[in-house]
């Protein structure tokens, strides 16, 4: 590969992975907040 291709790949790989993991973390938090009652168990009121 040419040097310019390597520089472009290096420039875009890090922001791609950072954005990917931030989005995955946000989606995981949405899932956990949606199903928190099922995961912990019945009768537990954490929002009182």
PDB file of N, CA and C in Angstrom:
ATOM      1  N   UNK A   1       0.834  -1.185   0.000  1.00  0.00           N
ATOM      2  CA  UNK A   1       0.000   0.000   0.000  1.00  0.00           C
ATOM      3  C   UNK A   1       0.875   1.244   0.000  1.00  0.00           C
ATOM      4  N   UNK A   2       0.320   2.269  -0.534  1.00  0.00           N
ATOM      5  CA  UNK A   2       1.040   3.532  -0.518  1.00  0.00           C
ATOM      6  C   UNK A   2       0.976   4.137   0.880  1.00  0.00           C
ATOM      7  N   UNK A   3       1.892   5.031   1.127  1.00  0.00           N
ATOM      8  CA  UNK A   3       1.970   5.636   2.450  1.00  0.00           C
ATOM      9  C   UNK A   3       0.724   6.470   2.767  1.00  0.00           C
ATOM     10  N   UNK A   4       0.164   7.111   1.758  1.00  0.00           N
ATOM     11  CA  UNK A   4      -1.034   7.927   1.993  1.00  0.00           C
ATOM     12  C   UNK A   4      -2.215   7.061   2.415  1.00  0.00           C
ATOM     13  N   UNK A   5      -2.299   5.841   1.871  1.00  0.00           N
ATOM     14  CA  UNK A   5      -3.373   4.935   2.269  1.00  0.00           C
ATOM     15  C   UNK A   5      -3.239   4.528   3.730  1.00  0.00           C
ATOM     16  N   UNK A   6      -2.027   4.254   4.144  1.00  0.00           N
ATOM     17  CA  UNK A   6      -1.807   3.885   5.543  1.00  0.00           C
ATOM     18  C   UNK A   6      -2.137   5.040   6.480  1.00  0.00           C
ATOM     19  N   UNK A   7      -1.771   6.241   6.092  1.00  0.00           N
ATOM     20  CA  UNK A   7      -2.081   7.398   6.930  1.00  0.00           C
ATOM     21  C   UNK A   7      -3.586   7.620   7.035  1.00  0.00           C
ATOM     22  N   UNK A   8      -4.300   7.448   5.933  1.00  0.00           N
ATOM     23  CA  UNK A   8      -5.751   7.601   5.973  1.00  0.00           C
ATOM     24  C   UNK A   8      -6.408   6.522   6.823  1.00  0.00           C
ATOM     25  N   UNK A   9      -5.935   5.309   6.703  1.00  0.00           N
ATOM     26  CA  UNK A   9      -6.494   4.221   7.512  1.00  0.00           C
ATOM     27  C   UNK A   9      -6.244   4.475   8.993  1.00  0.00           C
ATOM     28  N   UNK A  10      -5.045   4.886   9.338  1.00  0.00           N
ATOM     29  CA  UNK A  10      -4.734   5.178  10.738  1.00  0.00           C
ATOM     30  C   UNK A  10      -5.554   6.353  11.260  1.00  0.00           C
ATOM     31  N   UNK A  11      -5.852   7.303  10.408  1.00  0.00           N
ATOM     32  CA  UNK A  11      -6.616   8.473  10.837  1.00  0.00           C
ATOM     33  C   UNK A  11      -8.075   8.130  11.106  1.00  0.00           C
ATOM     34  N   UNK A  12      -8.616   7.127  10.430  1.00  0.00           N
ATOM     35  CA  UNK A  12     -10.027   6.807  10.579  1.00  0.00           C
ATOM     36  C   UNK A  12     -10.305   5.622  11.489  1.00  0.00           C
ATOM     37  N   UNK A  13      -9.319   4.788  11.761  1.00  0.00           N
ATOM     38  CA  UNK A  13      -9.551   3.600  12.588  1.00  0.00           C
ATOM     39  C   UNK A  13      -9.864   3.983  14.033  1.00  0.00           C
ATOM     40  N   UNK A  14      -9.075   4.854  14.621  1.00  0.00           N
ATOM     41  CA  UNK A  14      -9.275   5.202  16.029  1.00  0.00           C
ATOM     42  C   UNK A  14     -10.617   5.887  16.275  1.00  0.00           C
ATOM     43  N   UNK A  15     -11.003   6.919  15.522  1.00  0.00           N
ATOM     44  CA  UNK A  15     -12.326   7.509  15.755  1.00  0.00           C
ATOM     45  C   UNK A  15     -13.470   6.526  15.507  1.00  0.00           C
ATOM     46  N   UNK A  16     -13.292   5.624  14.552  1.00  0.00           N
ATOM     47  CA  UNK A  16     -14.323   4.628  14.297  1.00  0.00           C
ATOM     48  C   UNK A  16     -14.542   3.741  15.516  1.00  0.00           C
ATOM     49  N   UNK A  17     -13.468   3.230  16.092  1.00  0.00           N
ATOM     50  CA  UNK A  17     -13.609   2.348  17.247  1.00  0.00           C
ATOM     51  C   UNK A  17     -14.104   3.097  18.477  1.00  0.00           C
ATOM     52  N   UNK A  18     -13.668   4.319  18.679  1.00  0.00           N
ATOM     53  CA  UNK A  18     -14.149   5.111  19.814  1.00  0.00           C
ATOM     54  C   UNK A  18     -15.646   5.343  19.689  1.00  0.00           C
ATOM     55  N   UNK A  19     -16.100   5.741  18.518  1.00  0.00           N
ATOM     56  CA  UNK A  19     -17.523   5.964  18.294  1.00  0.00           C
ATOM     57  C   UNK A  19     -18.306   4.670  18.425  1.00  0.00           C
ATOM     58  N   UNK A  20     -17.771   3.585  17.908  1.00  0.00           N
ATOM     59  CA  UNK A  20     -18.439   2.289  17.986  1.00  0.00           C
ATOM     60  C   UNK A  20     -18.659   1.869  19.433  1.00  0.00           C
ATOM     61  N   UNK A  21     -17.636   1.991  20.271  1.00  0.00           N
ATOM     62  CA  UNK A  21     -17.769   1.563  21.660  1.00  0.00           C
ATOM     63  C   UNK A  21     -18.658   2.505  22.467  1.00  0.00           C
ATOM     64  N   UNK A  22     -18.676   3.779  22.159  1.00  0.00           N
ATOM     65  CA  UNK A  22     -19.585   4.702  22.839  1.00  0.00           C
ATOM     66  C   UNK A  22     -21.031   4.362  22.508  1.00  0.00           C
ATOM     67  N   UNK A  23     -21.317   4.108  21.243  1.00  0.00           N
ATOM     68  CA  UNK A  23     -22.677   3.748  20.832  1.00  0.00           C
ATOM     69  C   UNK A  23     -23.086   2.418  21.451  1.00  0.00           C
ATOM     70  N   UNK A  24     -22.182   1.448  21.477  1.00  0.00           N
ATOM     71  CA  UNK A  24     -22.509   0.155  22.094  1.00  0.00           C
ATOM     72  C   UNK A  24     -22.785   0.315  23.587  1.00  0.00           C
ATOM     73  N   UNK A  25     -22.046   1.173  24.263  1.00  0.00           N
ATOM     74  CA  UNK A  25     -22.275   1.422  25.686  1.00  0.00           C
ATOM     75  C   UNK A  25     -23.643   2.057  25.912  1.00  0.00           C
ATOM     76  N   UNK A  26     -24.011   3.024  25.082  1.00  0.00           N
ATOM     77  CA  UNK A  26     -25.315   3.682  25.214  1.00  0.00           C
ATOM     78  C   UNK A  26     -26.442   2.691  24.969  1.00  0.00           C
ATOM     79  N   UNK A  27     -26.320   1.862  23.944  1.00  0.00           N
ATOM     80  CA  UNK A  27     -27.355   0.863  23.675  1.00  0.00           C
ATOM     81  C   UNK A  27     -27.451  -0.166  24.794  1.00  0.00           C
ATOM     82  N   UNK A  28     -26.327  -0.535  25.375  1.00  0.00           N
ATOM     83  CA  UNK A  28     -26.347  -1.458  26.503  1.00  0.00           C
ATOM     84  C   UNK A  28     -27.039  -0.830  27.706  1.00  0.00           C
ATOM     85  N   UNK A  29     -26.814   0.452  27.946  1.00  0.00           N
ATOM     86  CA  UNK A  29     -27.484   1.127  29.052  1.00  0.00           C
ATOM     87  C   UNK A  29     -28.998   1.197  28.824  1.00  0.00           C
ATOM     88  N   UNK A  30     -29.429   1.476  27.587  1.00  0.00           N
ATOM     89  CA  UNK A  30     -30.858   1.467  27.286  1.00  0.00           C
ATOM     90  C   UNK A  30     -31.463   0.099  27.558  1.00  0.00           C
ATOM     91  N   UNK A  31     -30.768  -0.957  27.150  1.00  0.00           N
ATOM     92  CA  UNK A  31     -31.255  -2.318  27.378  1.00  0.00           C
ATOM     93  C   UNK A  31     -31.355  -2.616  28.869  1.00  0.00           C
ATOM     94  N   UNK A  32     -30.325  -2.243  29.626  1.00  0.00           N
ATOM     95  CA  UNK A  32     -30.334  -2.526  31.061  1.00  0.00           C
ATOM     96  C   UNK A  32     -31.431  -1.754  31.777  1.00  0.00           C
ATOM     97  N   UNK A  33     -31.649  -0.494  31.421  1.00  0.00           N
ATOM     98  CA  UNK A  33     -32.701   0.275  32.068  1.00  0.00           C
ATOM     99  C   UNK A  33     -34.084  -0.227  31.690  1.00  0.00           C
ATOM    100  N   UNK A  34     -34.226  -0.780  30.505  1.00  0.00           N
ATOM    101  CA  UNK A  34     -35.520  -1.303  30.073  1.00  0.00           C
ATOM    102  C   UNK A  34     -35.866  -2.594  30.805  1.00  0.00           C
ATOM    103  N   UNK A  35     -34.877  -3.458  31.005  1.00  0.00           N
ATOM    104  CA  UNK A  35     -35.123  -4.770  31.594  1.00  0.00           C
ATOM    105  C   UNK A  35     -34.540  -4.920  32.993  1.00  0.00           C
ATOM    106  N   UNK A  36     -34.367  -3.805  33.715  1.00  0.00           N
ATOM    107  CA  UNK A  36     -33.752  -3.869  35.036  1.00  0.00           C
ATOM    108  C   UNK A  36     -34.615  -4.654  36.013  1.00  0.00           C
ATOM    109  N   UNK A  37     -35.948  -4.536  35.916  1.00  0.00           N
ATOM    110  CA  UNK A  37     -36.827  -5.277  36.814  1.00  0.00           C
ATOM    111  C   UNK A  37     -36.735  -6.777  36.570  1.00  0.00           C
ATOM    112  N   UNK A  38     -36.650  -7.182  35.327  1.00  0.00           N
ATOM    113  CA  UNK A  38     -36.534  -8.609  35.025  1.00  0.00           C
ATOM    114  C   UNK A  38     -35.174  -9.160  35.443  1.00  0.00           C
ATOM    115  N   UNK A  39     -34.138  -8.350  35.344  1.00  0.00           N
ATOM    116  CA  UNK A  39     -32.803  -8.823  35.693  1.00  0.00           C
ATOM    117  C   UNK A  39     -32.611  -8.941  37.206  1.00  0.00           C
ATOM    118  N   UNK A  40     -33.163  -7.995  37.956  1.00  0.00           N
ATOM    119  CA  UNK A  40     -32.974  -8.003  39.406  1.00  0.00           C
ATOM    120  C   UNK A  40     -33.972  -8.942  40.072  1.00  0.00           C
ATOM    121  N   UNK A  41     -35.217  -8.877  39.657  1.00  0.00           N
ATOM    122  CA  UNK A  41     -36.237  -9.724  40.256  1.00  0.00           C
ATOM    123  C   UNK A  41     -37.484  -8.925  40.562  1.00  0.00           C
ATOM    124  N   UNK A  42     -38.528  -9.641  40.859  1.00  0.00           N
ATOM    125  CA  UNK A  42     -39.818  -9.002  41.127  1.00  0.00           C
ATOM    126  C   UNK A  42     -39.833  -8.413  42.533  1.00  0.00           C
ATOM    127  N   UNK A  43     -40.583  -7.330  42.694  1.00  0.00           N
ATOM    128  CA  UNK A  43     -40.794  -6.737  44.005  1.00  0.00           C
ATOM    129  C   UNK A  43     -39.712  -5.776  44.469  1.00  0.00           C
ATOM    130  N   UNK A  44     -38.713  -5.528  43.673  1.00  0.00           N
ATOM    131  CA  UNK A  44     -37.640  -4.612  44.058  1.00  0.00           C
ATOM    132  C   UNK A  44     -37.912  -3.252  43.440  1.00  0.00           C
ATOM    133  N   UNK A  45     -38.156  -2.250  44.292  1.00  0.00           N
ATOM    134  CA  UNK A  45     -38.446  -0.904  43.795  1.00  0.00           C
ATOM    135  C   UNK A  45     -37.212  -0.035  44.013  1.00  0.00           C
ATOM    136  N   UNK A  46     -36.488   0.211  42.967  1.00  0.00           N
ATOM    137  CA  UNK A  46     -35.257   0.980  43.066  1.00  0.00           C
ATOM    138  C   UNK A  46     -35.495   2.466  42.849  1.00  0.00           C
ATOM    139  N   UNK A  47     -36.696   2.844  42.435  1.00  0.00           N
ATOM    140  CA  UNK A  47     -36.965   4.241  42.097  1.00  0.00           C
ATOM    141  C   UNK A  47     -37.765   4.966  43.161  1.00  0.00           C
ATOM    142  N   UNK A  48     -37.900   4.428  44.369  1.00  0.00           N
ATOM    143  CA  UNK A  48     -38.703   5.077  45.410  1.00  0.00           C
ATOM    144  C   UNK A  48     -37.931   6.140  46.129  1.00  0.00           C
TER     145      UNK A  48
END
